[in-house]
Amino acid sequence: MATHDLVVEGIEVPRDININFIDGKFSSFALDGQEAIVSGIHFYILGNIGFYSDYERGTRKDNIKITMTGTFLPDYVTLADSTLFEVSQFSGRLFILDNGRWKLDCSPEFSLAAMRPGETEYTRYSSITFEKDWGAFIDGELFEEQQ
């Protein structure tokens, strides 16, 4: 038995963890069904917090450093530039990228509704990229309804 107070890239890791190794190297924390606090926002983990090696990051499109799949516990998240996201129906992945940016990527059947400063209606996105620690909105991929 061991105890910890781990915080990884602003993520307060829950107390009950399983550590996974691949080929003798650390790969992830298994946190199935636990809540993590990601820079002050509660996120319900549905699986692992995965970590990528330098080699793996270099072979991925977005140079992913850390990934986690889950849902948010609040109904809304407000970014530093006052962009408001409705996340009550969100299911998908949060990526922490090598370039210091974060990305939310929805499961195919879900979207993120966002209202940027000065807008009066929500726009639906399938993914969004923003500065780390819920910083300013950078860009997003518009959501397209499946036919």
C-alpha atoms as a PDB file:
ATOM      1  CA  MET A   1       0.000   0.000   0.000  1.00  0.00           C
ATOM      2  CA  ALA A   2       1.155   3.521  -0.741  1.00  0.00           C
ATOM      3  CA  THR A   3      -0.258   7.030  -0.633  1.00  0.00           C
ATOM      4  CA  HIS A   4       0.365   9.950  -2.947  1.00  0.00           C
ATOM      5  CA  ASP A   5      -0.394  13.603  -3.638  1.00  0.00           C
ATOM      6  CA  LEU A   6       0.249  13.493  -7.379  1.00  0.00           C
ATOM      7  CA  VAL A   7      -0.538  16.471  -9.597  1.00  0.00           C
ATOM      8  CA  VAL A   8       0.352  15.971 -13.265  1.00  0.00           C
ATOM      9  CA  GLU A   9       0.063  18.975 -15.620  1.00  0.00           C
ATOM     10  CA  GLY A  10      -2.553  20.541 -13.335  1.00  0.00           C
ATOM     11  CA  ILE A  11      -4.476  17.276 -12.845  1.00  0.00           C
ATOM     12  CA  GLU A  12      -5.005  16.260  -9.229  1.00  0.00           C
ATOM     13  CA  VAL A  13      -4.780  12.476  -9.533  1.00  0.00           C
ATOM     14  CA  PRO A  14      -7.358  10.565  -7.421  1.00  0.00           C
ATOM     15  CA  ARG A  15      -6.104   8.537  -4.473  1.00  0.00           C
ATOM     16  CA  ASP A  16      -7.063   5.100  -5.843  1.00  0.00           C
ATOM     17  CA  ILE A  17      -4.942   4.348  -8.909  1.00  0.00           C
ATOM     18  CA  ASN A  18      -3.563   1.398 -10.777  1.00  0.00           C
ATOM     19  CA  ILE A  19      -0.307   1.983 -12.596  1.00  0.00           C
ATOM     20  CA  ASN A  20       0.018   0.396 -16.036  1.00  0.00           C
ATOM     21  CA  PHE A  21       3.258  -0.578 -17.725  1.00  0.00           C
ATOM     22  CA  ILE A  22       3.854  -1.494 -21.371  1.00  0.00           C
ATOM     23  CA  ASP A  23       7.078  -3.313 -22.198  1.00  0.00           C
ATOM     24  CA  GLY A  24       8.360  -2.504 -18.709  1.00  0.00           C
ATOM     25  CA  LYS A  25       7.769   1.245 -19.103  1.00  0.00           C
ATOM     26  CA  PHE A  26       5.176   3.380 -17.331  1.00  0.00           C
ATOM     27  CA  SER A  27       2.232   4.151 -19.641  1.00  0.00           C
ATOM     28  CA  SER A  28      -0.851   5.239 -17.683  1.00  0.00           C
ATOM     29  CA  PHE A  29      -2.846   5.569 -14.485  1.00  0.00           C
ATOM     30  CA  ALA A  30      -6.030   3.467 -14.554  1.00  0.00           C
ATOM     31  CA  LEU A  31      -8.754   5.573 -12.946  1.00  0.00           C
ATOM     32  CA  ASP A  32     -11.960   3.951 -14.222  1.00  0.00           C
ATOM     33  CA  GLY A  33     -14.972   5.737 -12.783  1.00  0.00           C
ATOM     34  CA  GLN A  34     -13.106   8.233 -10.631  1.00  0.00           C
ATOM     35  CA  GLU A  35     -13.156  11.989 -10.519  1.00  0.00           C
ATOM     36  CA  ALA A  36     -10.022  13.999 -11.248  1.00  0.00           C
ATOM     37  CA  ILE A  37      -9.650  17.733 -10.822  1.00  0.00           C
ATOM     38  CA  VAL A  38      -8.132  19.255 -13.949  1.00  0.00           C
ATOM     39  CA  SER A  39      -6.962  22.801 -13.152  1.00  0.00           C
ATOM     40  CA  GLY A  40      -9.984  23.363 -10.929  1.00  0.00           C
ATOM     41  CA  ILE A  41     -12.585  21.636 -13.162  1.00  0.00           C
ATOM     42  CA  HIS A  42     -14.055  18.268 -12.111  1.00  0.00           C
ATOM     43  CA  PHE A  43     -13.692  15.570 -14.784  1.00  0.00           C
ATOM     44  CA  TYR A  44     -15.084  12.031 -14.411  1.00  0.00           C
ATOM     45  CA  ILE A  45     -12.507   9.643 -15.887  1.00  0.00           C
ATOM     46  CA  LEU A  46     -13.796   6.746 -17.984  1.00  0.00           C
ATOM     47  CA  GLY A  47     -10.575   4.794 -18.341  1.00  0.00           C
ATOM     48  CA  ASN A  48      -7.001   5.966 -18.006  1.00  0.00           C
ATOM     49  CA  ILE A  49      -4.892   9.056 -17.883  1.00  0.00           C
ATOM     50  CA  GLY A  50      -2.455   8.019 -20.605  1.00  0.00           C
ATOM     51  CA  PHE A  51       1.064   9.350 -21.043  1.00  0.00           C
ATOM     52  CA  TYR A  52       2.979   9.263 -24.313  1.00  0.00           C
ATOM     53  CA  SER A  53       6.714   8.851 -24.728  1.00  0.00           C
ATOM     54  CA  ASP A  54       8.733  11.270 -26.846  1.00  0.00           C
ATOM     55  CA  TYR A  55       8.707   8.672 -29.639  1.00  0.00           C
ATOM     56  CA  GLU A  56       4.915   8.237 -29.530  1.00  0.00           C
ATOM     57  CA  ARG A  57       4.317  12.002 -29.396  1.00  0.00           C
ATOM     58  CA  GLY A  58       6.444  12.472 -32.493  1.00  0.00           C
ATOM     59  CA  THR A  59       4.310  10.031 -34.496  1.00  0.00           C
ATOM     60  CA  ARG A  60       0.953  11.622 -33.596  1.00  0.00           C
ATOM     61  CA  LYS A  61      -0.717  14.453 -35.494  1.00  0.00           C
ATOM     62  CA  ASP A  62      -1.144  16.754 -32.482  1.00  0.00           C
ATOM     63  CA  ASN A  63       1.958  15.716 -30.496  1.00  0.00           C
ATOM     64  CA  ILE A  64      -0.158  14.459 -27.603  1.00  0.00           C
ATOM     65  CA  LYS A  65       1.541  14.367 -24.223  1.00  0.00           C
ATOM     66  CA  ILE A  66      -1.379  13.256 -22.001  1.00  0.00           C
ATOM     67  CA  THR A  67      -4.883  12.024 -22.816  1.00  0.00           C
ATOM     68  CA  MET A  68      -7.947  11.115 -20.785  1.00  0.00           C
ATOM     69  CA  THR A  69     -11.465  10.047 -21.691  1.00  0.00           C
ATOM     70  CA  GLY A  70     -14.427  11.092 -19.620  1.00  0.00           C
ATOM     71  CA  THR A  71     -17.242  13.495 -18.882  1.00  0.00           C
ATOM     72  CA  PHE A  72     -17.429  16.790 -17.002  1.00  0.00           C
ATOM     73  CA  LEU A  73     -19.234  17.148 -13.694  1.00  0.00           C
ATOM     74  CA  PRO A  74     -20.137  20.857 -14.070  1.00  0.00           C
ATOM     75  CA  ASP A  75     -22.677  21.877 -16.727  1.00  0.00           C
ATOM     76  CA  TYR A  76     -20.511  24.705 -18.084  1.00  0.00           C
ATOM     77  CA  VAL A  77     -16.821  25.562 -18.354  1.00  0.00           C
ATOM     78  CA  THR A  78     -15.697  29.155 -18.899  1.00  0.00           C
ATOM     79  CA  LEU A  79     -12.352  29.736 -20.557  1.00  0.00           C
ATOM     80  CA  ALA A  80     -10.032  32.610 -19.619  1.00  0.00           C
ATOM     81  CA  ASP A  81     -11.323  34.758 -22.516  1.00  0.00           C
ATOM     82  CA  SER A  82     -14.943  34.266 -21.296  1.00  0.00           C
ATOM     83  CA  THR A  83     -15.799  31.679 -23.967  1.00  0.00           C
ATOM     84  CA  LEU A  84     -18.559  29.567 -22.415  1.00  0.00           C
ATOM     85  CA  PHE A  85     -18.863  25.830 -23.165  1.00  0.00           C
ATOM     86  CA  GLU A  86     -21.867  23.743 -22.302  1.00  0.00           C
ATOM     87  CA  VAL A  87     -20.344  20.419 -21.265  1.00  0.00           C
ATOM     88  CA  SER A  88     -23.268  18.749 -19.466  1.00  0.00           C
ATOM     89  CA  GLN A  89     -23.656  16.314 -22.398  1.00  0.00           C
ATOM     90  CA  PHE A  90     -19.936  16.046 -23.230  1.00  0.00           C
ATOM     91  CA  SER A  91     -18.335  12.673 -23.651  1.00  0.00           C
ATOM     92  CA  GLY A  92     -14.910  12.487 -25.204  1.00  0.00           C
ATOM     93  CA  ARG A  93     -11.221  13.095 -24.650  1.00  0.00           C
ATOM     94  CA  LEU A  94      -9.120  15.850 -23.196  1.00  0.00           C
ATOM     95  CA  PHE A  95      -5.658  16.058 -24.738  1.00  0.00           C
ATOM     96  CA  ILE A  96      -2.731  17.954 -23.264  1.00  0.00           C
ATOM     97  CA  LEU A  97      -0.438  18.707 -26.172  1.00  0.00           C
ATOM     98  CA  ASP A  98       3.319  19.244 -26.325  1.00  0.00           C
ATOM     99  CA  ASN A  99       2.873  22.844 -27.485  1.00  0.00           C
ATOM    100  CA  GLY A 100       1.144  23.810 -24.214  1.00  0.00           C
ATOM    101  CA  ARG A 101      -2.307  23.779 -25.757  1.00  0.00           C
ATOM    102  CA  TRP A 102      -5.240  21.635 -24.695  1.00  0.00           C
ATOM    103  CA  LYS A 103      -7.834  20.028 -26.948  1.00  0.00           C
ATOM    104  CA  LEU A 104     -11.303  18.642 -26.244  1.00  0.00           C
ATOM    105  CA  ASP A 105     -12.415  16.047 -28.780  1.00  0.00           C
ATOM    106  CA  CYS A 106     -16.019  14.825 -28.578  1.00  0.00           C
ATOM    107  CA  SER A 107     -17.221  11.287 -29.150  1.00  0.00           C
ATOM    108  CA  PRO A 108     -18.849  11.163 -32.626  1.00  0.00           C
ATOM    109  CA  GLU A 109     -22.431  11.458 -31.373  1.00  0.00           C
ATOM    110  CA  PHE A 110     -21.694  14.449 -29.121  1.00  0.00           C
ATOM    111  CA  SER A 111     -20.802  18.086 -29.657  1.00  0.00           C
ATOM    112  CA  LEU A 112     -19.669  21.043 -27.578  1.00  0.00           C
ATOM    113  CA  ALA A 113     -21.865  24.123 -27.613  1.00  0.00           C
ATOM    114  CA  ALA A 114     -19.696  27.248 -27.319  1.00  0.00           C
ATOM    115  CA  MET A 115     -20.533  30.928 -27.069  1.00  0.00           C
ATOM    116  CA  ARG A 116     -17.589  33.251 -27.598  1.00  0.00           C
ATOM    117  CA  PRO A 117     -17.466  36.807 -26.249  1.00  0.00           C
ATOM    118  CA  GLY A 118     -19.738  39.065 -28.288  1.00  0.00           C
ATOM    119  CA  GLU A 119     -21.805  36.172 -29.684  1.00  0.00           C
ATOM    120  CA  THR A 120     -25.483  35.736 -28.789  1.00  0.00           C
ATOM    121  CA  GLU A 121     -25.933  32.105 -29.902  1.00  0.00           C
ATOM    122  CA  TYR A 122     -24.034  28.883 -29.310  1.00  0.00           C
ATOM    123  CA  THR A 123     -21.949  27.272 -32.058  1.00  0.00           C
ATOM    124  CA  ARG A 124     -21.544  23.490 -32.038  1.00  0.00           C
ATOM    125  CA  TYR A 125     -18.047  22.015 -32.323  1.00  0.00           C
ATOM    126  CA  SER A 126     -16.764  18.437 -32.530  1.00  0.00           C
ATOM    127  CA  SER A 127     -13.401  19.568 -31.117  1.00  0.00           C
ATOM    128  CA  ILE A 128     -11.876  22.726 -29.730  1.00  0.00           C
ATOM    129  CA  THR A 129      -8.322  23.819 -28.997  1.00  0.00           C
ATOM    130  CA  PHE A 130      -7.471  26.362 -26.319  1.00  0.00           C
ATOM    131  CA  GLU A 131      -4.591  27.547 -24.168  1.00  0.00           C
ATOM    132  CA  LYS A 132      -3.608  25.337 -21.231  1.00  0.00           C
ATOM    133  CA  ASP A 133      -5.418  25.499 -17.894  1.00  0.00           C
ATOM    134  CA  TRP A 134      -8.721  26.493 -19.542  1.00  0.00           C
ATOM    135  CA  GLY A 135      -7.048  29.470 -21.239  1.00  0.00           C
ATOM    136  CA  ALA A 136      -8.275  31.420 -24.261  1.00  0.00           C
ATOM    137  CA  PHE A 137     -10.085  29.749 -27.168  1.00  0.00           C
ATOM    138  CA  ILE A 138      -7.783  29.151 -30.162  1.00  0.00           C
ATOM    139  CA  ASP A 139      -9.886  27.312 -32.740  1.00  0.00           C
ATOM    140  CA  GLY A 140     -12.455  24.598 -33.235  1.00  0.00           C
ATOM    141  CA  GLU A 141     -13.752  22.050 -35.704  1.00  0.00           C
ATOM    142  CA  LEU A 142     -17.431  22.678 -36.464  1.00  0.00           C
ATOM    143  CA  PHE A 143     -19.811  19.835 -35.670  1.00  0.00           C
ATOM    144  CA  GLU A 144     -21.526  18.183 -38.637  1.00  0.00           C
ATOM    145  CA  GLU A 145     -24.723  16.207 -38.085  1.00  0.00           C
ATOM    146  CA  GLN A 146     -24.423  12.570 -39.157  1.00  0.00           C
ATOM    147  CA  GLN A 147     -26.872  11.789 -41.975  1.00  0.00           C
END
